[in-house]
Amino acid sequence: MSKVAKSAPKAQGFVLGRQAFARISAVEGLYLTPDMQAEFAKLDEQGADAATRREQLRKRYAR
């Protein structure tokens, strides 16, 4: 009999979309301001990648 090596299960990630995240946040009473919504729309129009989005949002909103 040959032995079959068992592979370790791969960790699977799950990414929430913006609308799903907004619905979950709303349960907690958290909402994006119109200014924040406009900022996200601007980044979408620019086709900004994730790193650029983080940097722009960090510059604007970080304390």
PDB file of N, CA and C in Angstrom:
ATOM      1  N   MET A   1       0.821  -1.189   0.000  1.00  0.00           N
ATOM      2  CA  MET A   1       0.000   0.000   0.000  1.00  0.00           C
ATOM      3  C   MET A   1       0.865   1.254   0.000  1.00  0.00           C
ATOM      4  N   SER A   2       0.525   2.193  -0.835  1.00  0.00           N
ATOM      5  CA  SER A   2       1.284   3.439  -0.840  1.00  0.00           C
ATOM      6  C   SER A   2       0.624   4.431   0.108  1.00  0.00           C
ATOM      7  N   LYS A   3       1.440   5.240   0.697  1.00  0.00           N
ATOM      8  CA  LYS A   3       0.923   6.239   1.636  1.00  0.00           C
ATOM      9  C   LYS A   3       0.569   7.511   0.875  1.00  0.00           C
ATOM     10  N   VAL A   4      -0.540   8.086   1.218  1.00  0.00           N
ATOM     11  CA  VAL A   4      -0.957   9.341   0.618  1.00  0.00           C
ATOM     12  C   VAL A   4      -0.694  10.441   1.635  1.00  0.00           C
ATOM     13  N   ALA A   5       0.112  11.398   1.242  1.00  0.00           N
ATOM     14  CA  ALA A   5       0.433  12.504   2.148  1.00  0.00           C
ATOM     15  C   ALA A   5      -0.774  13.426   2.243  1.00  0.00           C
ATOM     16  N   LYS A   6      -1.146  13.715   3.464  1.00  0.00           N
ATOM     17  CA  LYS A   6      -2.255  14.643   3.668  1.00  0.00           C
ATOM     18  C   LYS A   6      -1.709  16.064   3.637  1.00  0.00           C
ATOM     19  N   SER A   7      -2.343  16.884   2.854  1.00  0.00           N
ATOM     20  CA  SER A   7      -1.896  18.282   2.814  1.00  0.00           C
ATOM     21  C   SER A   7      -2.633  19.066   3.891  1.00  0.00           C
ATOM     22  N   ALA A   8      -1.949  20.048   4.406  1.00  0.00           N
ATOM     23  CA  ALA A   8      -2.561  20.900   5.429  1.00  0.00           C
ATOM     24  C   ALA A   8      -3.653  21.737   4.777  1.00  0.00           C
ATOM     25  N   PRO A   9      -4.755  21.944   5.469  1.00  0.00           N
ATOM     26  CA  PRO A   9      -5.807  22.770   4.876  1.00  0.00           C
ATOM     27  C   PRO A   9      -5.306  24.197   4.663  1.00  0.00           C
ATOM     28  N   LYS A  10      -5.681  24.737   3.537  1.00  0.00           N
ATOM     29  CA  LYS A  10      -5.266  26.103   3.217  1.00  0.00           C
ATOM     30  C   LYS A  10      -6.220  27.082   3.881  1.00  0.00           C
ATOM     31  N   ALA A  11      -5.648  28.127   4.425  1.00  0.00           N
ATOM     32  CA  ALA A  11      -6.466  29.172   5.033  1.00  0.00           C
ATOM     33  C   ALA A  11      -7.160  29.941   3.914  1.00  0.00           C
ATOM     34  N   GLN A  12      -8.441  30.084   4.041  1.00  0.00           N
ATOM     35  CA  GLN A  12      -9.187  30.815   3.028  1.00  0.00           C
ATOM     36  C   GLN A  12      -9.628  32.143   3.615  1.00  0.00           C
ATOM     37  N   GLY A  13      -9.458  33.169   2.853  1.00  0.00           N
ATOM     38  CA  GLY A  13      -9.877  34.492   3.292  1.00  0.00           C
ATOM     39  C   GLY A  13     -11.244  34.830   2.727  1.00  0.00           C
ATOM     40  N   PHE A  14     -11.845  35.823   3.303  1.00  0.00           N
ATOM     41  CA  PHE A  14     -13.137  36.294   2.836  1.00  0.00           C
ATOM     42  C   PHE A  14     -13.094  37.802   2.835  1.00  0.00           C
ATOM     43  N   VAL A  15     -13.424  38.393   1.717  1.00  0.00           N
ATOM     44  CA  VAL A  15     -13.367  39.839   1.589  1.00  0.00           C
ATOM     45  C   VAL A  15     -14.796  40.381   1.495  1.00  0.00           C
ATOM     46  N   LEU A  16     -15.102  41.314   2.386  1.00  0.00           N
ATOM     47  CA  LEU A  16     -16.405  41.959   2.331  1.00  0.00           C
ATOM     48  C   LEU A  16     -16.350  43.124   1.358  1.00  0.00           C
ATOM     49  N   GLY A  17     -17.399  43.282   0.599  1.00  0.00           N
ATOM     50  CA  GLY A  17     -17.496  44.436  -0.277  1.00  0.00           C
ATOM     51  C   GLY A  17     -17.889  45.666   0.533  1.00  0.00           C
ATOM     52  N   ARG A  18     -17.825  46.807  -0.111  1.00  0.00           N
ATOM     53  CA  ARG A  18     -18.118  48.065   0.577  1.00  0.00           C
ATOM     54  C   ARG A  18     -19.561  48.112   1.074  1.00  0.00           C
ATOM     55  N   GLN A  19     -20.502  47.620   0.274  1.00  0.00           N
ATOM     56  CA  GLN A  19     -21.910  47.661   0.690  1.00  0.00           C
ATOM     57  C   GLN A  19     -22.174  46.731   1.868  1.00  0.00           C
ATOM     58  N   ALA A  20     -21.607  45.542   1.834  1.00  0.00           N
ATOM     59  CA  ALA A  20     -21.795  44.601   2.940  1.00  0.00           C
ATOM     60  C   ALA A  20     -21.184  45.157   4.213  1.00  0.00           C
ATOM     61  N   PHE A  21     -20.002  45.750   4.093  1.00  0.00           N
ATOM     62  CA  PHE A  21     -19.346  46.319   5.261  1.00  0.00           C
ATOM     63  C   PHE A  21     -20.169  47.484   5.817  1.00  0.00           C
ATOM     64  N   ALA A  22     -20.752  48.276   4.927  1.00  0.00           N
ATOM     65  CA  ALA A  22     -21.582  49.402   5.366  1.00  0.00           C
ATOM     66  C   ALA A  22     -22.804  48.908   6.141  1.00  0.00           C
ATOM     67  N   ARG A  23     -23.414  47.829   5.685  1.00  0.00           N
ATOM     68  CA  ARG A  23     -24.587  47.280   6.386  1.00  0.00           C
ATOM     69  C   ARG A  23     -24.207  46.760   7.768  1.00  0.00           C
ATOM     70  N   ILE A  24     -23.086  46.085   7.859  1.00  0.00           N
ATOM     71  CA  ILE A  24     -22.629  45.581   9.157  1.00  0.00           C
ATOM     72  C   ILE A  24     -22.297  46.747  10.082  1.00  0.00           C
ATOM     73  N   SER A  25     -21.626  47.754   9.558  1.00  0.00           N
ATOM     74  CA  SER A  25     -21.270  48.927  10.356  1.00  0.00           C
ATOM     75  C   SER A  25     -22.516  49.665  10.828  1.00  0.00           C
ATOM     76  N   ALA A  26     -23.546  49.708   9.995  1.00  0.00           N
ATOM     77  CA  ALA A  26     -24.783  50.408  10.358  1.00  0.00           C
ATOM     78  C   ALA A  26     -25.426  49.786  11.593  1.00  0.00           C
ATOM     79  N   VAL A  27     -25.285  48.485  11.745  1.00  0.00           N
ATOM     80  CA  VAL A  27     -25.810  47.810  12.932  1.00  0.00           C
ATOM     81  C   VAL A  27     -25.140  48.370  14.184  1.00  0.00           C
ATOM     82  N   GLU A  28     -23.877  48.725  14.039  1.00  0.00           N
ATOM     83  CA  GLU A  28     -23.125  49.298  15.156  1.00  0.00           C
ATOM     84  C   GLU A  28     -23.319  50.810  15.269  1.00  0.00           C
ATOM     85  N   GLY A  29     -24.084  51.385  14.343  1.00  0.00           N
ATOM     86  CA  GLY A  29     -24.327  52.825  14.368  1.00  0.00           C
ATOM     87  C   GLY A  29     -23.240  53.640  13.698  1.00  0.00           C
ATOM     88  N   LEU A  30     -22.445  53.005  12.850  1.00  0.00           N
ATOM     89  CA  LEU A  30     -21.347  53.685  12.168  1.00  0.00           C
ATOM     90  C   LEU A  30     -21.712  53.928  10.707  1.00  0.00           C
ATOM     91  N   TYR A  31     -21.536  55.147  10.242  1.00  0.00           N
ATOM     92  CA  TYR A  31     -21.857  55.511   8.871  1.00  0.00           C
ATOM     93  C   TYR A  31     -20.743  56.376   8.301  1.00  0.00           C
ATOM     94  N   LEU A  32     -20.555  56.305   6.972  1.00  0.00           N
ATOM     95  CA  LEU A  32     -19.614  57.199   6.304  1.00  0.00           C
ATOM     96  C   LEU A  32     -20.277  58.563   6.138  1.00  0.00           C
ATOM     97  N   THR A  33     -19.512  59.599   6.375  1.00  0.00           N
ATOM     98  CA  THR A  33     -20.021  60.948   6.155  1.00  0.00           C
ATOM     99  C   THR A  33     -20.074  61.187   4.642  1.00  0.00           C
ATOM    100  N   PRO A  34     -20.850  62.175   4.201  1.00  0.00           N
ATOM    101  CA  PRO A  34     -20.860  62.492   2.769  1.00  0.00           C
ATOM    102  C   PRO A  34     -19.461  62.833   2.246  1.00  0.00           C
ATOM    103  N   ASP A  35     -18.646  63.473   3.085  1.00  0.00           N
ATOM    104  CA  ASP A  35     -17.272  63.795   2.698  1.00  0.00           C
ATOM    105  C   ASP A  35     -16.466  62.522   2.450  1.00  0.00           C
ATOM    106  N   MET A  36     -16.619  61.538   3.323  1.00  0.00           N
ATOM    107  CA  MET A  36     -15.905  60.271   3.158  1.00  0.00           C
ATOM    108  C   MET A  36     -16.405  59.529   1.921  1.00  0.00           C
ATOM    109  N   GLN A  37     -17.707  59.556   1.668  1.00  0.00           N
ATOM    110  CA  GLN A  37     -18.265  58.909   0.481  1.00  0.00           C
ATOM    111  C   GLN A  37     -17.691  59.541  -0.787  1.00  0.00           C
ATOM    112  N   ALA A  38     -17.561  60.870  -0.783  1.00  0.00           N
ATOM    113  CA  ALA A  38     -16.986  61.571  -1.931  1.00  0.00           C
ATOM    114  C   ALA A  38     -15.519  61.187  -2.114  1.00  0.00           C
ATOM    115  N   GLU A  39     -14.801  61.042  -1.012  1.00  0.00           N
ATOM    116  CA  GLU A  39     -13.386  60.649  -1.080  1.00  0.00           C
ATOM    117  C   GLU A  39     -13.246  59.261  -1.696  1.00  0.00           C
ATOM    118  N   PHE A  40     -14.086  58.323  -1.293  1.00  0.00           N
ATOM    119  CA  PHE A  40     -14.051  56.982  -1.876  1.00  0.00           C
ATOM    120  C   PHE A  40     -14.414  57.012  -3.349  1.00  0.00           C
ATOM    121  N   ALA A  41     -15.404  57.817  -3.724  1.00  0.00           N
ATOM    122  CA  ALA A  41     -15.798  57.930  -5.123  1.00  0.00           C
ATOM    123  C   ALA A  41     -14.645  58.476  -5.961  1.00  0.00           C
ATOM    124  N   LYS A  42     -13.927  59.461  -5.423  1.00  0.00           N
ATOM    125  CA  LYS A  42     -12.787  60.047  -6.124  1.00  0.00           C
ATOM    126  C   LYS A  42     -11.697  58.994  -6.328  1.00  0.00           C
ATOM    127  N   LEU A  43     -11.426  58.211  -5.296  1.00  0.00           N
ATOM    128  CA  LEU A  43     -10.413  57.160  -5.410  1.00  0.00           C
ATOM    129  C   LEU A  43     -10.845  56.091  -6.418  1.00  0.00           C
ATOM    130  N   ASP A  44     -12.144  55.783  -6.459  1.00  0.00           N
ATOM    131  CA  ASP A  44     -12.654  54.824  -7.439  1.00  0.00           C
ATOM    132  C   ASP A  44     -12.444  55.342  -8.855  1.00  0.00           C
ATOM    133  N   GLU A  45     -12.746  56.617  -9.082  1.00  0.00           N
ATOM    134  CA  GLU A  45     -12.581  57.214 -10.410  1.00  0.00           C
ATOM    135  C   GLU A  45     -11.124  57.192 -10.851  1.00  0.00           C
ATOM    136  N   GLN A  46     -10.217  57.380  -9.897  1.00  0.00           N
ATOM    137  CA  GLN A  46      -8.787  57.384 -10.207  1.00  0.00           C
ATOM    138  C   GLN A  46      -8.249  55.969 -10.434  1.00  0.00           C
ATOM    139  N   GLY A  47      -9.030  54.968 -10.028  1.00  0.00           N
ATOM    140  CA  GLY A  47      -8.569  53.588 -10.151  1.00  0.00           C
ATOM    141  C   GLY A  47      -7.434  53.289  -9.193  1.00  0.00           C
ATOM    142  N   ALA A  48      -7.464  53.925  -8.025  1.00  0.00           N
ATOM    143  CA  ALA A  48      -6.393  53.777  -7.036  1.00  0.00           C
ATOM    144  C   ALA A  48      -6.316  52.342  -6.516  1.00  0.00           C
ATOM    145  N   ASP A  49      -5.090  51.856  -6.365  1.00  0.00           N
ATOM    146  CA  ASP A  49      -4.905  50.527  -5.791  1.00  0.00           C
ATOM    147  C   ASP A  49      -5.023  50.616  -4.267  1.00  0.00           C
ATOM    148  N   ALA A  50      -4.991  49.473  -3.617  1.00  0.00           N
ATOM    149  CA  ALA A  50      -5.212  49.419  -2.170  1.00  0.00           C
ATOM    150  C   ALA A  50      -4.185  50.240  -1.393  1.00  0.00           C
ATOM    151  N   ALA A  51      -2.926  50.173  -1.792  1.00  0.00           N
ATOM    152  CA  ALA A  51      -1.874  50.905  -1.078  1.00  0.00           C
ATOM    153  C   ALA A  51      -2.090  52.414  -1.197  1.00  0.00           C
ATOM    154  N   THR A  52      -2.473  52.867  -2.381  1.00  0.00           N
ATOM    155  CA  THR A  52      -2.725  54.291  -2.591  1.00  0.00           C
ATOM    156  C   THR A  52      -3.919  54.748  -1.777  1.00  0.00           C
ATOM    157  N   ARG A  53      -4.966  53.928  -1.742  1.00  0.00           N
ATOM    158  CA  ARG A  53      -6.156  54.258  -0.940  1.00  0.00           C
ATOM    159  C   ARG A  53      -5.790  54.428   0.529  1.00  0.00           C
ATOM    160  N   ARG A  54      -5.047  53.456   1.057  1.00  0.00           N
ATOM    161  CA  ARG A  54      -4.663  53.516   2.466  1.00  0.00           C
ATOM    162  C   ARG A  54      -3.862  54.770   2.763  1.00  0.00           C
ATOM    163  N   GLU A  55      -2.912  55.078   1.889  1.00  0.00           N
ATOM    164  CA  GLU A  55      -2.063  56.244   2.104  1.00  0.00           C
ATOM    165  C   GLU A  55      -2.876  57.536   2.071  1.00  0.00           C
ATOM    166  N   GLN A  56      -3.745  57.679   1.092  1.00  0.00           N
ATOM    167  CA  GLN A  56      -4.563  58.885   0.985  1.00  0.00           C
ATOM    168  C   GLN A  56      -5.489  59.046   2.191  1.00  0.00           C
ATOM    169  N   LEU A  57      -6.133  57.953   2.598  1.00  0.00           N
ATOM    170  CA  LEU A  57      -7.045  58.012   3.739  1.00  0.00           C
ATOM    171  C   LEU A  57      -6.287  58.256   5.044  1.00  0.00           C
ATOM    172  N   ARG A  58      -5.104  57.686   5.155  1.00  0.00           N
ATOM    173  CA  ARG A  58      -4.281  57.897   6.347  1.00  0.00           C
ATOM    174  C   ARG A  58      -3.876  59.373   6.458  1.00  0.00           C
ATOM    175  N   LYS A  59      -3.464  59.964   5.329  1.00  0.00           N
ATOM    176  CA  LYS A  59      -3.071  61.377   5.321  1.00  0.00           C
ATOM    177  C   LYS A  59      -4.231  62.276   5.743  1.00  0.00           C
ATOM    178  N   ARG A  60      -5.403  61.927   5.268  1.00  0.00           N
ATOM    179  CA  ARG A  60      -6.562  62.796   5.514  1.00  0.00           C
ATOM    180  C   ARG A  60      -7.182  62.608   6.892  1.00  0.00           C
ATOM    181  N   TYR A  61      -7.283  61.362   7.365  1.00  0.00           N
ATOM    182  CA  TYR A  61      -8.066  61.096   8.563  1.00  0.00           C
ATOM    183  C   TYR A  61      -7.268  60.647   9.796  1.00  0.00           C
ATOM    184  N   ALA A  62      -6.000  60.306   9.638  1.00  0.00           N
ATOM    185  CA  ALA A  62      -5.225  59.823  10.784  1.00  0.00           C
ATOM    186  C   ALA A  62      -4.989  60.962  11.786  1.00  0.00           C
ATOM    187  N   ARG A  63      -4.961  60.592  13.020  1.00  0.00           N
ATOM    188  CA  ARG A  63      -4.732  61.597  14.074  1.00  0.00           C
ATOM    189  C   ARG A  63      -3.318  61.588  14.529  1.00  0.00           C
TER     190      ARG A  63
END
